[in-house]
Amino acid sequence: MAKKTTEPTRRDFMTIAAGSFAAVGGAAALWPMIDQMNPDASALSLATIEVDLSPIAEGQSITVSWRGKPVFIRHRTAEEIEQAKAVKVDELPDPEARNDNISADSPATDVNRVKDENEKWLVLVGICTHLGCIPKGQRVGDAKGEFGGWFCPCHGSHYDTAGRIRKGPAPRNLEVPTYEFVSDSKIKIG
């Protein structure tokens, strides 16, 4: 017995066309709802920031805002660098570097807390790792704590000139965010 083949009818064409039209219409109706879930321009602009370092004198610090967090940038003096290099990692409460630019298990040496080519620049997220306070030590006259870095007066955490916890209840070193030098006097954070 031979198979009977039928040609598509007008009804078949109309069914396929109507289904296709409904699918395209449904996608067009859903697109505005899906698109509104993307971050707006103000959120995207905070993903990275560029900071001009040229006006920061040696020994001076500034605070910039990145992703809603304070970021400390310090132009360290030769004395501050030497103090930080002299600290042995086994003397630190937190032996991990906490530097987003290198591997997570790196030791908290001064070299691992800064960029190799620019050790005079220290860049840290300025949030105490104990309860989220903002440590003092950025402005002239601020208490810098016992180790010349930062001091969180809320509960007495002391950080050194590399942003490492040295004394007090804070469990971790200040975080070093992802950053890079885009020129000799400008960095991009994020």
C-alpha atoms as a PDB file:
ATOM      1  CA  MET A   1       0.000   0.000   0.000  1.00  0.00           C
ATOM      2  CA  ALA A   2       1.441   3.327  -0.990  1.00  0.00           C
ATOM      3  CA  LYS A   3       1.725   6.217   1.517  1.00  0.00           C
ATOM      4  CA  LYS A   4      -0.495   9.102   0.825  1.00  0.00           C
ATOM      5  CA  THR A   5       1.283  12.475   0.990  1.00  0.00           C
ATOM      6  CA  THR A   6      -0.685  15.636   1.389  1.00  0.00           C
ATOM      7  CA  GLU A   7       0.295  19.112   0.492  1.00  0.00           C
ATOM      8  CA  PRO A   8       0.227  21.771   3.213  1.00  0.00           C
ATOM      9  CA  THR A   9      -3.080  23.542   3.326  1.00  0.00           C
ATOM     10  CA  ARG A  10      -3.851  27.170   3.843  1.00  0.00           C
ATOM     11  CA  ARG A  11      -4.950  26.282   7.375  1.00  0.00           C
ATOM     12  CA  ASP A  12      -1.478  24.806   8.126  1.00  0.00           C
ATOM     13  CA  PHE A  13       0.189  27.993   6.906  1.00  0.00           C
ATOM     14  CA  MET A  14      -2.109  30.207   9.017  1.00  0.00           C
ATOM     15  CA  THR A  15      -1.454  28.098  12.135  1.00  0.00           C
ATOM     16  CA  ILE A  16       2.337  28.369  11.746  1.00  0.00           C
ATOM     17  CA  ALA A  17       2.169  32.095  10.945  1.00  0.00           C
ATOM     18  CA  ALA A  18      -0.083  32.836  13.941  1.00  0.00           C
ATOM     19  CA  GLY A  19       2.189  30.865  16.304  1.00  0.00           C
ATOM     20  CA  SER A  20       5.288  32.671  15.014  1.00  0.00           C
ATOM     21  CA  PHE A  21       3.595  36.054  15.350  1.00  0.00           C
ATOM     22  CA  ALA A  22       2.563  35.252  18.956  1.00  0.00           C
ATOM     23  CA  ALA A  23       6.130  34.162  19.866  1.00  0.00           C
ATOM     24  CA  VAL A  24       7.664  37.358  18.445  1.00  0.00           C
ATOM     25  CA  GLY A  25       5.009  39.495  20.159  1.00  0.00           C
ATOM     26  CA  GLY A  26       5.559  37.743  23.493  1.00  0.00           C
ATOM     27  CA  ALA A  27       9.325  38.278  23.289  1.00  0.00           C
ATOM     28  CA  ALA A  28       8.819  41.942  22.397  1.00  0.00           C
ATOM     29  CA  ALA A  29       6.485  42.381  25.366  1.00  0.00           C
ATOM     30  CA  LEU A  30       8.944  40.731  27.800  1.00  0.00           C
ATOM     31  CA  TRP A  31      12.054  42.626  26.633  1.00  0.00           C
ATOM     32  CA  PRO A  32      11.422  45.854  28.633  1.00  0.00           C
ATOM     33  CA  MET A  33      10.955  43.830  31.831  1.00  0.00           C
ATOM     34  CA  ILE A  34      14.177  41.861  31.233  1.00  0.00           C
ATOM     35  CA  ASP A  35      16.148  44.964  30.193  1.00  0.00           C
ATOM     36  CA  GLN A  36      15.211  46.889  33.347  1.00  0.00           C
ATOM     37  CA  MET A  37      17.105  44.308  35.430  1.00  0.00           C
ATOM     38  CA  ASN A  38      20.455  45.540  34.041  1.00  0.00           C
ATOM     39  CA  PRO A  39      22.398  47.964  36.265  1.00  0.00           C
ATOM     40  CA  ASP A  40      21.881  51.628  35.426  1.00  0.00           C
ATOM     41  CA  ALA A  41      24.631  53.944  34.221  1.00  0.00           C
ATOM     42  CA  SER A  42      25.364  55.311  37.709  1.00  0.00           C
ATOM     43  CA  ALA A  43      26.036  51.811  39.051  1.00  0.00           C
ATOM     44  CA  LEU A  44      28.227  50.923  36.088  1.00  0.00           C
ATOM     45  CA  SER A  45      30.224  54.123  36.474  1.00  0.00           C
ATOM     46  CA  LEU A  46      31.154  53.099  40.029  1.00  0.00           C
ATOM     47  CA  ALA A  47      32.563  49.758  38.903  1.00  0.00           C
ATOM     48  CA  THR A  48      35.925  51.402  38.212  1.00  0.00           C
ATOM     49  CA  ILE A  49      37.360  54.794  39.050  1.00  0.00           C
ATOM     50  CA  GLU A  50      40.566  56.542  38.056  1.00  0.00           C
ATOM     51  CA  VAL A  51      42.510  58.524  40.640  1.00  0.00           C
ATOM     52  CA  ASP A  52      45.197  61.109  39.875  1.00  0.00           C
ATOM     53  CA  LEU A  53      48.063  60.593  42.328  1.00  0.00           C
ATOM     54  CA  SER A  54      50.146  63.619  41.311  1.00  0.00           C
ATOM     55  CA  PRO A  55      48.724  66.050  43.922  1.00  0.00           C
ATOM     56  CA  ILE A  56      49.382  63.646  46.834  1.00  0.00           C
ATOM     57  CA  ALA A  57      52.597  64.644  48.618  1.00  0.00           C
ATOM     58  CA  GLU A  58      54.887  62.100  50.264  1.00  0.00           C
ATOM     59  CA  GLY A  59      53.476  61.207  53.676  1.00  0.00           C
ATOM     60  CA  GLN A  60      49.970  62.333  52.696  1.00  0.00           C
ATOM     61  CA  SER A  61      46.823  60.203  52.390  1.00  0.00           C
ATOM     62  CA  ILE A  62      43.529  60.697  50.601  1.00  0.00           C
ATOM     63  CA  THR A  63      40.200  58.904  50.707  1.00  0.00           C
ATOM     64  CA  VAL A  64      38.156  58.220  47.576  1.00  0.00           C
ATOM     65  CA  SER A  65      34.823  56.454  47.255  1.00  0.00           C
ATOM     66  CA  TRP A  66      34.612  53.270  45.179  1.00  0.00           C
ATOM     67  CA  ARG A  67      31.489  51.086  45.080  1.00  0.00           C
ATOM     68  CA  GLY A  68      30.215  52.955  48.112  1.00  0.00           C
ATOM     69  CA  LYS A  69      33.315  52.110  50.163  1.00  0.00           C
ATOM     70  CA  PRO A  70      36.112  54.407  51.338  1.00  0.00           C
ATOM     71  CA  VAL A  71      39.453  53.613  49.719  1.00  0.00           C
ATOM     72  CA  PHE A  72      42.588  54.904  51.421  1.00  0.00           C
ATOM     73  CA  ILE A  73      45.483  55.894  49.177  1.00  0.00           C
ATOM     74  CA  ARG A  74      48.724  56.729  50.966  1.00  0.00           C
ATOM     75  CA  HIS A  75      51.949  58.054  49.480  1.00  0.00           C
ATOM     76  CA  ARG A  76      54.245  56.315  51.935  1.00  0.00           C
ATOM     77  CA  THR A  77      57.530  57.761  53.082  1.00  0.00           C
ATOM     78  CA  ALA A  78      60.766  55.774  52.932  1.00  0.00           C
ATOM     79  CA  GLU A  79      60.540  55.386  56.720  1.00  0.00           C
ATOM     80  CA  GLU A  80      56.997  53.938  56.519  1.00  0.00           C
ATOM     81  CA  ILE A  81      58.113  51.481  53.822  1.00  0.00           C
ATOM     82  CA  GLU A  82      61.078  50.338  55.907  1.00  0.00           C
ATOM     83  CA  GLN A  83      58.867  49.919  58.996  1.00  0.00           C
ATOM     84  CA  ALA A  84      56.469  47.761  56.992  1.00  0.00           C
ATOM     85  CA  LYS A  85      59.238  45.648  55.442  1.00  0.00           C
ATOM     86  CA  ALA A  86      60.824  44.987  58.848  1.00  0.00           C
ATOM     87  CA  VAL A  87      57.739  43.158  60.183  1.00  0.00           C
ATOM     88  CA  LYS A  88      57.968  39.369  60.166  1.00  0.00           C
ATOM     89  CA  VAL A  89      54.844  37.602  58.901  1.00  0.00           C
ATOM     90  CA  ASP A  90      54.814  35.177  61.846  1.00  0.00           C
ATOM     91  CA  GLU A  91      54.356  38.179  64.200  1.00  0.00           C
ATOM     92  CA  LEU A  92      51.090  39.171  62.488  1.00  0.00           C
ATOM     93  CA  PRO A  93      47.628  38.160  63.735  1.00  0.00           C
ATOM     94  CA  ASP A  94      46.579  37.699  60.083  1.00  0.00           C
ATOM     95  CA  PRO A  95      49.373  36.198  57.967  1.00  0.00           C
ATOM     96  CA  GLU A  96      47.456  36.474  54.649  1.00  0.00           C
ATOM     97  CA  ALA A  97      48.036  39.375  52.242  1.00  0.00           C
ATOM     98  CA  ARG A  98      44.302  40.007  51.522  1.00  0.00           C
ATOM     99  CA  ASN A  99      45.312  41.485  48.182  1.00  0.00           C
ATOM    100  CA  ASP A 100      42.814  41.022  45.327  1.00  0.00           C
ATOM    101  CA  ASN A 101      45.671  41.501  42.830  1.00  0.00           C
ATOM    102  CA  ILE A 102      47.540  38.298  43.806  1.00  0.00           C
ATOM    103  CA  SER A 103      46.702  34.739  44.880  1.00  0.00           C
ATOM    104  CA  ALA A 104      44.601  34.358  48.026  1.00  0.00           C
ATOM    105  CA  ASP A 105      47.165  32.339  49.974  1.00  0.00           C
ATOM    106  CA  SER A 106      50.026  34.862  49.621  1.00  0.00           C
ATOM    107  CA  PRO A 107      51.754  35.897  52.865  1.00  0.00           C
ATOM    108  CA  ALA A 108      51.183  39.394  54.274  1.00  0.00           C
ATOM    109  CA  THR A 109      54.640  40.758  53.506  1.00  0.00           C
ATOM    110  CA  ASP A 110      54.857  44.432  52.584  1.00  0.00           C
ATOM    111  CA  VAL A 111      55.771  43.451  49.018  1.00  0.00           C
ATOM    112  CA  ASN A 112      52.494  41.508  48.728  1.00  0.00           C
ATOM    113  CA  ARG A 113      50.442  44.483  49.921  1.00  0.00           C
ATOM    114  CA  VAL A 114      51.613  46.929  47.192  1.00  0.00           C
ATOM    115  CA  LYS A 115      52.471  46.867  43.489  1.00  0.00           C
ATOM    116  CA  ASP A 116      56.095  45.865  42.849  1.00  0.00           C
ATOM    117  CA  GLU A 117      56.916  48.828  40.657  1.00  0.00           C
ATOM    118  CA  ASN A 118      55.368  51.405  43.014  1.00  0.00           C
ATOM    119  CA  GLU A 119      55.862  50.354  46.626  1.00  0.00           C
ATOM    120  CA  LYS A 120      55.450  53.947  47.802  1.00  0.00           C
ATOM    121  CA  TRP A 121      51.706  53.814  46.967  1.00  0.00           C
ATOM    122  CA  LEU A 122      49.456  51.867  49.336  1.00  0.00           C
ATOM    123  CA  VAL A 123      45.822  51.360  48.292  1.00  0.00           C
ATOM    124  CA  LEU A 124      43.385  49.881  50.841  1.00  0.00           C
ATOM    125  CA  VAL A 125      39.660  49.500  51.388  1.00  0.00           C
ATOM    126  CA  GLY A 126      39.251  51.669  54.487  1.00  0.00           C
ATOM    127  CA  ILE A 127      36.829  49.515  56.454  1.00  0.00           C
ATOM    128  CA  CYS A 128      37.883  47.962  59.760  1.00  0.00           C
ATOM    129  CA  THR A 129      37.591  44.191  59.541  1.00  0.00           C
ATOM    130  CA  HIS A 130      36.160  43.945  63.057  1.00  0.00           C
ATOM    131  CA  LEU A 131      32.774  45.661  62.809  1.00  0.00           C
ATOM    132  CA  GLY A 132      32.988  47.773  59.654  1.00  0.00           C
ATOM    133  CA  CYS A 133      34.035  51.114  61.158  1.00  0.00           C
ATOM    134  CA  ILE A 134      36.304  53.532  59.280  1.00  0.00           C
ATOM    135  CA  PRO A 135      39.733  53.695  60.937  1.00  0.00           C
ATOM    136  CA  LYS A 136      41.420  57.006  61.737  1.00  0.00           C
ATOM    137  CA  GLY A 137      44.799  57.949  60.302  1.00  0.00           C
ATOM    138  CA  GLN A 138      43.976  59.549  56.979  1.00  0.00           C
ATOM    139  CA  ARG A 139      44.059  63.211  57.993  1.00  0.00           C
ATOM    140  CA  VAL A 140      46.839  65.207  59.598  1.00  0.00           C
ATOM    141  CA  GLY A 141      46.343  65.050  63.346  1.00  0.00           C
ATOM    142  CA  ASP A 142      44.385  61.768  63.275  1.00  0.00           C
ATOM    143  CA  ALA A 143      45.467  59.089  65.701  1.00  0.00           C
ATOM    144  CA  LYS A 144      47.535  56.624  63.667  1.00  0.00           C
ATOM    145  CA  GLY A 145      47.747  53.972  66.367  1.00  0.00           C
ATOM    146  CA  GLU A 146      50.796  52.329  67.834  1.00  0.00           C
ATOM    147  CA  PHE A 147      52.188  51.172  64.468  1.00  0.00           C
ATOM    148  CA  GLY A 148      51.971  54.404  62.456  1.00  0.00           C
ATOM    149  CA  GLY A 149      49.193  53.242  60.136  1.00  0.00           C
ATOM    150  CA  TRP A 150      45.523  53.443  61.121  1.00  0.00           C
ATOM    151  CA  PHE A 151      43.615  53.206  64.372  1.00  0.00           C
ATOM    152  CA  CYS A 152      39.980  52.214  64.824  1.00  0.00           C
ATOM    153  CA  PRO A 153      38.870  53.945  68.031  1.00  0.00           C
ATOM    154  CA  CYS A 154      35.593  52.020  68.269  1.00  0.00           C
ATOM    155  CA  HIS A 155      37.236  48.870  69.640  1.00  0.00           C
ATOM    156  CA  GLY A 156      40.976  49.607  69.528  1.00  0.00           C
ATOM    157  CA  SER A 157      42.264  47.915  66.382  1.00  0.00           C
ATOM    158  CA  HIS A 158      45.726  49.090  65.283  1.00  0.00           C
ATOM    159  CA  TYR A 159      46.978  48.727  61.687  1.00  0.00           C
ATOM    160  CA  ASP A 160      50.543  49.268  60.497  1.00  0.00           C
ATOM    161  CA  THR A 161      51.946  51.233  57.524  1.00  0.00           C
ATOM    162  CA  ALA A 162      50.997  48.348  55.193  1.00  0.00           C
ATOM    163  CA  GLY A 163      47.387  48.140  56.469  1.00  0.00           C
ATOM    164  CA  ARG A 164      47.986  44.906  58.393  1.00  0.00           C
ATOM    165  CA  ILE A 165      46.258  44.295  61.728  1.00  0.00           C
ATOM    166  CA  ARG A 166      48.803  44.387  64.531  1.00  0.00           C
ATOM    167  CA  LYS A 167      46.756  44.769  67.712  1.00  0.00           C
ATOM    168  CA  GLY A 168      43.105  44.676  68.733  1.00  0.00           C
ATOM    169  CA  PRO A 169      40.016  42.642  67.917  1.00  0.00           C
ATOM    170  CA  ALA A 170      40.035  43.004  64.105  1.00  0.00           C
ATOM    171  CA  PRO A 171      40.540  39.511  62.664  1.00  0.00           C
ATOM    172  CA  ARG A 172      41.959  40.424  59.230  1.00  0.00           C
ATOM    173  CA  ASN A 173      44.206  42.895  57.446  1.00  0.00           C
ATOM    174  CA  LEU A 174      42.622  45.760  55.514  1.00  0.00           C
ATOM    175  CA  GLU A 175      41.732  44.560  52.020  1.00  0.00           C
ATOM    176  CA  VAL A 176      43.760  45.675  48.997  1.00  0.00           C
ATOM    177  CA  PRO A 177      41.300  46.176  46.109  1.00  0.00           C
ATOM    178  CA  THR A 178      41.998  45.325  42.490  1.00  0.00           C
ATOM    179  CA  TYR A 179      43.860  48.262  40.965  1.00  0.00           C
ATOM    180  CA  GLU A 180      46.414  49.020  38.296  1.00  0.00           C
ATOM    181  CA  PHE A 181      48.640  51.887  37.277  1.00  0.00           C
ATOM    182  CA  VAL A 182      47.453  53.403  33.992  1.00  0.00           C
ATOM    183  CA  SER A 183      50.350  55.894  34.070  1.00  0.00           C
ATOM    184  CA  ASP A 184      53.067  56.939  36.519  1.00  0.00           C
ATOM    185  CA  SER A 185      50.638  59.235  38.306  1.00  0.00           C
ATOM    186  CA  LYS A 186      47.227  57.622  37.792  1.00  0.00           C
ATOM    187  CA  ILE A 187      45.597  54.416  39.022  1.00  0.00           C
ATOM    188  CA  LYS A 188      42.392  52.645  38.057  1.00  0.00           C
ATOM    189  CA  ILE A 189      40.582  50.919  40.913  1.00  0.00           C
ATOM    190  CA  GLY A 190      38.210  48.087  40.068  1.00  0.00           C
END
